[in-house]
Amino acid sequence: MTSAHSKLYSDDVSLVVVVVDTNPFFWAAAALPFADFFAHLIHFVNSLLLLNHLNRVVVIAAGVSSCAYILDSSDASPSGGVAVSDTFDKASRKAEEFIAQDARATAGNGSVASANAASLLSGALSISLCYIQRIFRSGSRHPQPRILCLQGSPDGPEQYVAVMNSIFSAQRSMVPIDSCIVGTQDSAFLQQASYITGGVYLKPQELNGLFQYLAAVFATDLHSRAFLRLPKTLGVDFRASCFCHKKTIDMGYVCSICLSIFCKNQKKCSTCGSEFSRAMPDLNSVPDQSK
């Protein structure tokens, strides 16, 4: 009996969906200018396409208020090789148009953005998974899919539920989520995403050599990864975000019906409406029993 893996996938053909953080508030204070970062990204995209002419790469921009496709290699002309300059110019124009459009949407919805504003990671992951499923339904043989997230802005606690739903959907669909952190702080969301889905989590020490990191760690197809020693995450932050205040917590209360998480004792679940008849102690007032 032929395994499902051999029927669904082609070992040496890759479908890479790259999620790019285009948060202008982060890039305004970043050590690496966005233009230089984008140049590294385009060279990495072209290297993936040159490794195998059947490879497909899609780039999705994640802004503060919206997400959008800025590059799809399947839309390129099939004649000859890949023109780096043409790809860079076209993707750069789309990225600039998206950043301007996202800035208008952010100002229009009345939200006050700052240097700590989070990008819409949950939306970008959802779009990535939908694109992969669309490719799966288009034929009998499919490339090996994976998602690569390039994130610099901090996590948005209010996106916790949506991000975790995307992570478990990726795990169920056997889609690894790779993570490359270009900011100063680690991402608990992406640490969990890479750990749960079997992806690679990396925080480069020198962003000026970003292309070398991308090519050495993330360019390899999934079949060849079994023969390589790729970076492993030393520690994963498994803390959750509460549903009431959107804060990252170490200890909290969980609804037994819908598994919603709260940082303080609630009489009624704000998610499913279940009433809690039993009074629970305040976790913040319980003395530390470890001493």
Protein backbone atom coordinates (compact mmCIF):
# COMPACT_ATOMS: atom_id res chain seq x y z
CA MET A 1 0.00 0.00 0.00
CA THR A 2 1.39 3.37 -1.02
CA SER A 3 1.81 5.80 1.85
CA ALA A 4 -0.07 9.09 1.89
CA HIS A 5 3.24 10.94 1.99
CA SER A 6 4.44 9.47 -1.32
CA LYS A 7 1.11 10.12 -3.01
CA LEU A 8 0.85 13.73 -1.95
CA TYR A 9 4.34 15.19 -2.17
CA SER A 10 7.34 15.50 -4.46
CA ASP A 11 10.54 15.19 -2.46
CA ASP A 12 12.72 17.77 -4.19
CA VAL A 13 10.11 20.37 -5.20
CA SER A 14 9.28 23.12 -2.70
CA LEU A 15 6.42 25.53 -2.17
CA VAL A 16 7.70 28.30 0.11
CA VAL A 17 5.32 30.94 1.42
CA VAL A 18 7.32 33.83 2.90
CA VAL A 19 5.59 36.11 5.40
CA VAL A 20 7.36 39.48 5.56
CA ASP A 21 6.91 41.94 8.39
CA THR A 22 6.39 45.36 6.77
CA ASN A 23 5.50 47.19 9.99
CA PRO A 24 6.76 50.76 9.34
CA PHE A 25 7.01 51.52 13.06
CA PHE A 26 9.50 48.70 13.52
CA TRP A 27 11.56 49.45 10.42
CA ALA A 28 11.81 53.15 11.29
CA ALA A 29 14.02 52.22 14.25
CA ALA A 30 15.58 49.00 12.93
CA ALA A 31 19.36 48.64 12.57
CA LEU A 32 18.95 47.30 9.02
CA PRO A 33 17.10 49.60 6.57
CA PHE A 34 14.02 48.04 4.99
CA ALA A 35 15.42 48.53 1.48
CA ASP A 36 18.52 46.48 2.35
CA PHE A 37 16.41 43.85 4.08
CA PHE A 38 14.17 43.56 1.02
CA ALA A 39 17.20 43.17 -1.24
CA HIS A 40 18.38 40.22 0.87
CA LEU A 41 14.89 38.72 0.64
CA ILE A 42 14.66 39.00 -3.15
CA HIS A 43 18.06 37.38 -3.62
CA PHE A 44 16.92 34.54 -1.36
CA VAL A 45 13.70 34.14 -3.37
CA ASN A 46 15.66 33.94 -6.61
CA SER A 47 18.06 31.39 -5.12
CA LEU A 48 15.08 29.17 -4.25
CA LEU A 49 13.77 29.40 -7.80
CA LEU A 50 17.19 28.60 -9.25
CA LEU A 51 17.56 25.46 -7.11
CA ASN A 52 14.68 23.82 -8.98
CA HIS A 53 12.69 25.23 -11.87
CA LEU A 54 9.54 23.64 -10.39
CA ASN A 55 9.89 25.44 -7.07
CA ARG A 56 7.26 28.04 -6.26
CA VAL A 57 7.70 31.01 -3.93
CA VAL A 58 5.00 33.35 -2.65
CA VAL A 59 5.69 36.48 -0.57
CA ILE A 60 2.97 37.87 1.69
CA ALA A 61 3.34 41.23 3.41
CA ALA A 62 2.04 41.53 6.98
CA GLY A 63 1.25 45.10 7.93
CA VAL A 64 -0.30 46.63 11.02
CA SER A 65 -3.90 46.42 9.77
CA SER A 66 -3.83 44.23 6.64
CA CYS A 67 -2.02 41.57 4.62
CA ALA A 68 -1.48 41.18 0.88
CA TYR A 69 0.41 39.20 -1.77
CA ILE A 70 3.40 41.11 -3.12
CA LEU A 71 5.08 38.33 -5.12
CA ASP A 72 4.01 35.03 -6.69
CA SER A 73 6.63 33.26 -8.78
CA SER A 74 3.93 31.42 -10.75
CA ASP A 75 2.92 34.77 -12.29
CA ALA A 76 6.38 35.25 -13.84
CA SER A 77 6.95 34.59 -17.53
CA PRO A 78 8.12 31.01 -18.18
CA SER A 79 10.73 32.04 -20.75
CA GLY A 80 14.34 31.58 -19.65
CA GLY A 81 15.80 32.17 -16.23
CA VAL A 82 14.77 34.46 -13.45
CA ALA A 83 15.59 38.14 -13.86
CA VAL A 84 16.71 39.38 -10.46
CA SER A 85 16.37 43.08 -11.27
CA ASP A 86 12.87 42.69 -12.73
CA THR A 87 11.72 40.64 -9.76
CA PHE A 88 13.17 43.15 -7.32
CA ASP A 89 11.62 46.17 -9.06
CA LYS A 90 8.17 44.61 -9.34
CA ALA A 91 8.12 43.32 -5.76
CA SER A 92 9.50 46.61 -4.43
CA ARG A 93 6.72 48.59 -6.11
CA LYS A 94 4.06 46.27 -4.72
CA ALA A 95 5.62 46.45 -1.25
CA GLU A 96 5.66 50.25 -1.32
CA GLU A 97 2.05 50.36 -2.50
CA PHE A 98 1.00 47.95 0.23
CA ILE A 99 2.83 49.87 2.99
CA ALA A 100 1.12 53.10 1.92
CA GLN A 101 -2.28 51.40 1.73
CA ASP A 102 -1.79 49.75 5.12
CA ALA A 103 -0.80 53.09 6.67
CA ARG A 104 -4.04 54.63 5.40
CA ALA A 105 -6.04 51.68 6.77
CA THR A 106 -4.32 51.99 10.15
CA ALA A 107 -5.09 55.71 10.33
CA GLY A 108 -8.66 55.14 9.14
CA ASN A 109 -9.62 52.56 11.75
CA GLY A 110 -8.75 54.93 14.57
CA SER A 111 -6.10 52.74 16.18
CA VAL A 112 -3.11 54.45 17.74
CA ALA A 113 0.05 52.74 16.52
CA SER A 114 3.44 53.06 18.16
CA ALA A 115 6.87 51.49 18.13
CA ASN A 116 5.38 48.49 19.97
CA ALA A 117 2.60 47.98 17.41
CA ALA A 118 2.30 44.36 16.29
CA SER A 119 1.96 43.19 12.72
CA LEU A 120 -0.98 41.09 11.57
CA LEU A 121 0.79 37.72 11.85
CA SER A 122 -2.43 35.78 12.35
CA GLY A 123 -3.89 37.07 9.09
CA ALA A 124 -0.70 36.35 7.14
CA LEU A 125 -0.55 32.77 8.45
CA SER A 126 -4.20 32.23 7.53
CA ILE A 127 -3.63 33.49 3.98
CA SER A 128 -0.53 31.29 3.68
CA LEU A 129 -2.41 28.15 4.71
CA CYS A 130 -5.30 28.97 2.37
CA TYR A 131 -2.86 29.37 -0.54
CA ILE A 132 -1.20 26.04 0.26
CA GLN A 133 -4.57 24.28 0.42
CA ARG A 134 -5.52 25.77 -2.93
CA ILE A 135 -2.35 24.32 -4.47
CA PHE A 136 -3.10 20.94 -2.88
CA ARG A 137 -6.51 20.84 -4.52
CA SER A 138 -5.16 21.70 -7.97
CA GLY A 139 -3.54 18.34 -8.82
CA SER A 140 -2.43 14.90 -7.67
CA ARG A 141 1.26 15.71 -7.12
CA HIS A 142 2.25 18.56 -4.84
CA PRO A 143 5.46 20.32 -3.84
CA GLN A 144 6.68 20.12 -0.26
CA PRO A 145 5.04 23.12 1.46
CA ARG A 146 6.51 25.26 4.20
CA ILE A 147 6.02 28.75 5.61
CA LEU A 148 8.87 31.12 6.45
CA CYS A 149 8.07 34.05 8.74
CA LEU A 150 10.43 37.04 8.78
CA GLN A 151 9.32 39.04 11.80
CA GLY A 152 10.75 42.06 13.56
CA SER A 153 7.89 43.68 15.47
CA PRO A 154 6.73 42.29 18.82
CA ASP A 155 3.92 39.76 19.23
CA GLY A 156 0.35 41.00 19.52
CA PRO A 157 -1.27 39.27 22.53
CA GLU A 158 -4.72 39.97 21.09
CA GLN A 159 -3.84 37.64 18.19
CA TYR A 160 -3.00 34.69 20.44
CA VAL A 161 -6.08 32.58 19.67
CA ALA A 162 -5.95 33.20 15.92
CA VAL A 163 -2.20 32.48 15.76
CA MET A 164 -2.54 29.24 17.74
CA ASN A 165 -5.41 28.12 15.49
CA SER A 166 -3.16 28.69 12.47
CA ILE A 167 -0.30 26.80 14.12
CA PHE A 168 -2.45 23.74 14.83
CA SER A 169 -3.90 23.90 11.30
CA ALA A 170 -0.37 23.91 9.89
CA GLN A 171 0.56 20.97 12.11
CA ARG A 172 -2.48 19.01 10.94
CA SER A 173 -1.63 19.77 7.30
CA MET A 174 2.06 18.81 7.84
CA VAL A 175 3.24 22.32 6.95
CA PRO A 176 6.38 23.36 8.90
CA ILE A 177 6.58 26.99 9.98
CA ASP A 178 10.14 28.36 9.87
CA SER A 179 10.92 31.56 11.74
CA CYS A 180 13.63 34.15 11.22
CA ILE A 181 13.59 36.97 13.77
CA VAL A 182 15.07 40.24 12.51
CA GLY A 183 14.11 42.26 15.59
CA THR A 184 15.82 42.62 18.95
CA GLN A 185 13.47 40.37 20.94
CA ASP A 186 12.37 36.79 20.45
CA SER A 187 8.83 35.89 19.41
CA ALA A 188 6.96 33.52 21.74
CA PHE A 189 4.35 32.95 19.01
CA LEU A 190 6.89 31.87 16.42
CA GLN A 191 8.88 29.82 18.93
CA GLN A 192 5.75 27.79 19.56
CA ALA A 193 4.93 27.70 15.82
CA SER A 194 8.32 26.28 14.84
CA TYR A 195 8.38 23.84 17.76
CA ILE A 196 4.87 22.45 17.19
CA THR A 197 5.11 22.16 13.39
CA GLY A 198 8.72 20.91 13.23
CA GLY A 199 10.15 24.05 11.64
CA VAL A 200 13.39 25.94 12.28
CA TYR A 201 13.61 28.97 14.56
CA LEU A 202 16.54 31.34 14.04
CA LYS A 203 17.52 34.75 15.35
CA PRO A 204 20.52 35.92 13.26
CA GLN A 205 23.31 37.63 15.15
CA GLU A 206 24.35 39.85 12.23
CA LEU A 207 21.62 41.21 9.95
CA ASN A 208 24.09 42.51 7.38
CA GLY A 209 24.63 38.88 6.42
CA LEU A 210 20.92 38.04 6.35
CA PHE A 211 21.07 36.44 2.90
CA GLN A 212 23.77 34.02 4.08
CA TYR A 213 21.59 32.98 7.01
CA LEU A 214 18.54 32.52 4.79
CA ALA A 215 20.43 30.56 2.14
CA ALA A 216 22.26 28.31 4.61
CA VAL A 217 19.31 27.51 6.88
CA PHE A 218 16.04 28.00 5.03
CA ALA A 219 16.82 27.23 1.37
CA THR A 220 17.08 23.46 1.86
CA ASP A 221 14.07 21.37 0.87
CA LEU A 222 12.33 19.33 3.56
CA HIS A 223 13.64 16.00 2.27
CA SER A 224 17.28 17.15 2.54
CA ARG A 225 16.84 18.58 6.04
CA ALA A 226 17.04 15.07 7.47
CA PHE A 227 20.72 14.96 6.47
CA LEU A 228 21.68 18.38 7.87
CA ARG A 229 22.30 19.76 11.34
CA LEU A 230 20.08 22.83 11.43
CA PRO A 231 19.80 25.25 14.37
CA LYS A 232 17.63 24.11 17.26
CA THR A 233 15.74 26.33 19.67
CA LEU A 234 17.27 26.11 23.14
CA GLY A 235 14.15 27.29 24.93
CA VAL A 236 10.52 27.83 23.95
CA ASP A 237 8.21 30.30 25.67
CA PHE A 238 4.93 28.41 26.07
CA ARG A 239 3.14 31.15 27.99
CA ALA A 240 -0.37 32.03 26.84
CA SER A 241 -2.19 35.35 26.54
CA CYS A 242 -5.34 35.94 28.59
CA PHE A 243 -8.60 36.62 26.77
CA CYS A 244 -9.64 39.45 29.08
CA HIS A 245 -6.67 41.82 29.02
CA LYS A 246 -4.55 40.30 26.21
CA LYS A 247 -1.55 39.98 28.54
CA THR A 248 1.04 37.22 28.58
CA ILE A 249 0.57 35.28 31.81
CA ASP A 250 2.37 32.50 33.71
CA MET A 251 -0.70 31.34 35.65
CA GLY A 252 -4.40 31.85 35.05
CA TYR A 253 -7.90 30.41 34.90
CA VAL A 254 -9.24 28.21 32.08
CA CYS A 255 -12.88 27.79 31.12
CA SER A 256 -13.73 24.08 31.25
CA ILE A 257 -16.17 24.46 28.34
CA CYS A 258 -14.33 26.44 25.66
CA LEU A 259 -10.79 26.55 27.17
CA SER A 260 -10.68 30.35 27.22
CA ILE A 261 -7.90 31.71 29.43
CA PHE A 262 -8.29 34.52 31.99
CA CYS A 263 -5.76 36.21 34.23
CA LYS A 264 -8.36 36.89 36.95
CA ASN A 265 -11.24 34.92 38.40
CA GLN A 266 -14.43 35.43 36.40
CA LYS A 267 -18.04 34.71 37.34
CA LYS A 268 -18.96 34.14 33.71
CA CYS A 269 -16.95 33.18 30.61
CA SER A 270 -16.91 36.09 28.20
CA THR A 271 -16.38 33.72 25.26
CA CYS A 272 -19.03 31.00 25.63
CA GLY A 273 -21.20 32.50 28.39
CA SER A 274 -20.77 29.61 30.83
CA GLU A 275 -21.31 30.55 34.46
CA PHE A 276 -18.76 29.46 37.05
CA SER A 277 -20.67 28.37 40.16
CA ARG A 278 -17.58 27.55 42.19
CA ALA A 279 -15.58 30.46 43.56
CA MET A 280 -11.85 30.15 42.91
CA PRO A 281 -9.03 31.79 44.89
CA ASP A 282 -7.13 34.72 43.48
CA LEU A 283 -3.91 33.26 42.09
CA ASN A 284 -2.08 36.52 42.67
CA SER A 285 -2.78 36.32 46.41
CA VAL A 286 -1.77 32.66 46.89
CA PRO A 287 1.59 32.44 48.75
CA ASP A 288 4.51 30.75 47.08
CA GLN A 289 4.61 27.15 48.35
CA SER A 290 7.98 26.36 46.83
CA LYS A 291 9.91 27.99 49.65
